[in-house]
Protein backbone atom coordinates (compact mmCIF):
# COMPACT_ATOMS: atom_id res chain seq x y z
CA UNK A 1 14.60 -27.68 -23.41
CA UNK A 2 10.82 -27.97 -23.50
CA UNK A 3 10.29 -27.41 -19.78
CA UNK A 4 11.48 -23.82 -19.72
CA UNK A 5 7.90 -22.59 -19.87
CA UNK A 6 6.81 -24.68 -16.87
CA UNK A 7 5.66 -22.54 -13.94
CA UNK A 8 8.12 -23.20 -11.14
CA UNK A 9 7.36 -20.44 -8.70
CA UNK A 10 4.11 -19.00 -7.41
CA UNK A 11 5.19 -16.10 -5.22
CA UNK A 12 3.60 -13.13 -3.49
CA UNK A 13 5.54 -9.88 -3.37
CA UNK A 14 6.10 -8.64 0.18
CA UNK A 15 6.15 -5.04 -1.07
CA UNK A 16 3.02 -4.74 -3.26
CA UNK A 17 1.30 -8.07 -2.36
CA UNK A 18 1.00 -9.01 -6.04
CA UNK A 19 0.81 -12.79 -6.49
CA UNK A 20 2.47 -13.97 -9.66
CA UNK A 21 3.48 -17.18 -11.36
CA UNK A 22 7.03 -17.30 -12.66
CA UNK A 23 9.28 -19.67 -14.57
CA UNK A 24 13.03 -20.03 -14.95
CA UNK A 25 13.12 -17.75 -17.98
CA UNK A 26 12.29 -14.80 -15.68
CA UNK A 27 15.54 -15.18 -13.69
CA UNK A 28 17.95 -12.30 -14.36
CA UNK A 29 21.70 -12.53 -13.71
CA UNK A 30 22.93 -9.73 -11.43
CA UNK A 31 25.83 -9.51 -8.95
CA UNK A 32 26.79 -13.21 -9.19
CA UNK A 33 23.23 -14.39 -8.48
CA UNK A 34 20.18 -15.16 -10.56
CA UNK A 35 17.31 -13.01 -9.35
CA UNK A 36 13.55 -13.01 -9.81
CA UNK A 37 11.67 -9.71 -9.65
CA UNK A 38 8.00 -8.92 -9.09
CA UNK A 39 6.26 -8.40 -12.42
CA UNK A 40 4.17 -5.63 -10.85
CA UNK A 41 6.62 -3.44 -8.87
CA UNK A 42 10.05 -4.92 -9.76
CA UNK A 43 10.84 -5.77 -6.10
CA UNK A 44 13.29 -8.69 -5.73
CA UNK A 45 11.42 -11.88 -4.84
CA UNK A 46 14.13 -14.50 -5.02
CA UNK A 47 17.89 -14.85 -5.49
CA UNK A 48 19.61 -18.12 -6.34
CA UNK A 49 23.26 -18.93 -6.82
CA UNK A 50 24.49 -20.16 -10.21
CA UNK A 51 24.78 -23.70 -8.79
CA UNK A 52 21.19 -23.59 -7.49
CA UNK A 53 19.99 -22.39 -10.89
CA UNK A 54 21.85 -25.25 -12.54
CA UNK A 55 20.15 -27.72 -10.18
CA UNK A 56 16.76 -26.29 -11.16
CA UNK A 57 17.61 -26.77 -14.84
CA UNK A 58 18.81 -30.33 -14.16
CA UNK A 59 15.57 -31.06 -12.32
CA UNK A 60 13.55 -29.89 -15.31
CA UNK A 61 15.65 -32.07 -17.62
CA UNK A 62 15.17 -35.13 -15.38
CA UNK A 63 11.44 -34.51 -15.23
CA UNK A 64 11.22 -34.28 -19.01
CA UNK A 65 13.27 -37.45 -19.37
CA UNK A 66 11.47 -39.66 -16.84
CA UNK A 67 7.86 -38.47 -16.62
CA UNK A 68 6.87 -40.54 -19.69
CA UNK A 69 8.37 -43.59 -17.93
CA UNK A 70 6.37 -42.82 -14.79
CA UNK A 71 3.17 -42.45 -16.83
CA UNK A 72 3.79 -45.78 -18.56
CA UNK A 73 4.57 -47.50 -15.25
CA UNK A 74 1.28 -46.33 -13.73
CA UNK A 75 -0.59 -47.35 -16.89
CA UNK A 76 0.84 -50.89 -16.58
CA UNK A 77 -0.30 -51.01 -12.94
CA UNK A 78 -3.77 -49.87 -14.01
CA UNK A 79 -3.59 -46.95 -11.54
CA UNK A 80 -4.12 -43.24 -11.97
CA UNK A 81 -0.99 -41.14 -11.75
CA UNK A 82 -0.67 -38.68 -8.87
CA UNK A 83 -1.89 -35.23 -9.84
CA UNK A 84 1.02 -33.55 -8.09
CA UNK A 85 4.74 -34.25 -8.29
CA UNK A 86 6.99 -32.76 -5.61
CA UNK A 87 10.75 -32.49 -5.41
CA UNK A 88 12.82 -32.33 -2.26
CA UNK A 89 16.27 -33.18 -1.03
CA UNK A 90 17.15 -36.83 -0.71
CA UNK A 91 17.93 -37.72 2.88
CA UNK A 92 21.52 -38.83 3.20
CA UNK A 93 22.17 -42.03 5.09
CA UNK A 94 24.43 -41.80 8.14
């Protein structure tokens, strides 16, 4: 997967105040969770369940698959593409 090197997290450590940029390859499996540690002091910054990690990987795969389509769609409309793409939960209908 090409997107593994994409920076996903920009986090500041609450212990040493180091601000780092991290990607999914920095997640370490420990005690049934995938954890991200500060690159400066090794303090735990983030813990995600295996299912959450899988969703992150699926999101990267979807982005890789469809971003070229989005770029082509904007090109056909003769509009600039947004400089920022955000992901969030889809609101479920009642």
